[in-house]
Amino acid sequence: MAEATQYFVVLGTDAEGKQELRQELRPRHREWLREHPGHAVTVLHGGPTLDCEGDMDGTLLIVEAANRQAVEAFVAADPYVRHGLFHQLQVRRWAWSLGR
């Protein structure tokens, strides 16, 4: 039997002093989120998190996938992750109950 679709939140927090790396990788990261061949993950919502000054300091994604392993493989192939942008990265299962 096929696995039911699940929702996940992906939250990455940038490492200190990586603003230049973020800007350099951002076009490839955005392309990856839109054109991720071979990965059975659907990105539903996403965008950068911001610090108090309004500068980008992380990433938030809401994705749909059959299981956590699919999300972890998808995230591992993201240019931000491959090039070490994040100090911390979390993948958490999420029960979407409001705002559909």
Protein backbone atom coordinates (compact mmCIF):
# COMPACT_ATOMS: atom_id res chain seq x y z
CA MET A 1 0.00 0.00 0.00
CA ALA A 2 1.29 3.50 -0.88
CA GLU A 3 2.18 5.87 1.94
CA ALA A 4 -0.25 8.70 2.63
CA THR A 5 0.88 12.22 1.86
CA GLN A 6 2.29 14.06 4.85
CA TYR A 7 3.25 17.67 5.47
CA PHE A 8 6.58 18.85 6.84
CA VAL A 9 8.13 22.13 7.95
CA VAL A 10 11.77 22.68 7.06
CA LEU A 11 13.47 25.41 9.09
CA GLY A 12 17.07 26.40 8.42
CA THR A 13 18.98 29.00 10.43
CA ASP A 14 21.95 30.61 8.70
CA ALA A 15 25.41 30.35 10.21
CA GLU A 16 26.97 33.63 11.35
CA GLY A 17 28.66 35.67 8.64
CA LYS A 18 27.14 33.76 5.71
CA GLN A 19 25.08 36.58 4.14
CA GLU A 20 27.37 36.75 1.12
CA LEU A 21 27.15 32.98 0.60
CA ARG A 22 23.34 33.18 0.84
CA GLN A 23 23.21 35.85 -1.86
CA GLU A 24 25.56 33.87 -4.10
CA LEU A 25 23.56 30.65 -3.77
CA ARG A 26 20.05 32.14 -3.74
CA PRO A 27 19.35 31.82 -7.50
CA ARG A 28 20.37 28.13 -7.46
CA HIS A 29 18.40 27.49 -4.26
CA ARG A 30 15.26 29.07 -5.74
CA GLU A 31 15.67 27.08 -8.95
CA TRP A 32 16.07 23.88 -6.89
CA LEU A 33 12.81 24.57 -5.04
CA ARG A 34 10.96 24.98 -8.34
CA GLU A 35 12.72 22.38 -10.55
CA HIS A 36 13.81 19.43 -8.40
CA PRO A 37 13.85 16.48 -10.82
CA GLY A 38 13.82 13.06 -9.27
CA HIS A 39 12.47 14.12 -5.88
CA ALA A 40 8.92 13.30 -4.84
CA VAL A 41 8.52 16.43 -2.72
CA THR A 42 6.14 19.28 -3.43
CA VAL A 43 7.07 22.70 -2.05
CA LEU A 44 3.83 24.38 -0.99
CA HIS A 45 5.13 27.54 0.69
CA GLY A 46 8.55 28.95 1.29
CA GLY A 47 10.62 32.01 1.92
CA PRO A 48 13.44 33.49 3.94
CA THR A 49 13.14 34.25 7.62
CA LEU A 50 14.26 37.74 8.63
CA ASP A 51 16.19 39.21 11.53
CA CYS A 52 15.11 42.36 13.43
CA GLU A 53 16.67 44.59 10.76
CA GLY A 54 14.82 42.79 7.96
CA ASP A 55 17.87 40.92 6.65
CA MET A 56 17.53 37.28 5.60
CA ASP A 57 18.79 34.91 8.31
CA GLY A 58 17.20 31.56 7.47
CA THR A 59 14.72 29.60 5.39
CA LEU A 60 11.23 28.25 6.04
CA LEU A 61 9.58 25.69 3.76
CA ILE A 62 6.31 23.82 3.99
CA VAL A 63 6.48 20.70 1.86
CA GLU A 64 4.37 17.69 1.03
CA ALA A 65 5.89 14.21 0.73
CA ALA A 66 5.21 10.55 1.39
CA ASN A 67 7.70 10.39 4.27
CA ARG A 68 10.41 12.17 6.21
CA GLN A 69 13.19 10.35 4.35
CA ALA A 70 12.03 11.91 1.06
CA VAL A 71 12.13 15.37 2.64
CA GLU A 72 15.58 14.79 4.13
CA ALA A 73 16.94 13.65 0.75
CA PHE A 74 15.37 16.68 -0.94
CA VAL A 75 16.83 19.07 1.62
CA ALA A 76 20.28 17.43 1.46
CA ALA A 77 20.44 18.21 -2.28
CA ASP A 78 19.53 21.91 -1.82
CA PRO A 79 22.45 24.22 -2.72
CA TYR A 80 22.12 25.99 0.65
CA VAL A 81 22.70 22.70 2.48
CA ARG A 82 25.36 21.36 0.11
CA HIS A 83 27.45 24.53 0.58
CA GLY A 84 27.07 24.82 4.37
CA LEU A 85 24.84 27.89 4.72
CA PHE A 86 22.91 26.65 7.74
CA HIS A 87 24.05 26.52 11.34
CA GLN A 88 20.92 24.55 12.22
CA LEU A 89 18.42 22.63 10.09
CA GLN A 90 15.21 21.01 11.26
CA VAL A 91 12.69 18.84 9.44
CA ARG A 92 9.49 18.42 11.42
CA ARG A 93 6.27 16.64 10.53
CA TRP A 94 3.36 19.08 10.55
CA ALA A 95 -0.40 18.65 10.95
CA TRP A 96 -1.90 21.26 8.65
CA SER A 97 -5.11 22.29 10.35
CA LEU A 98 -5.68 25.98 9.59
CA GLY A 99 -5.43 28.17 6.51
CA ARG A 100 -6.12 25.64 3.81
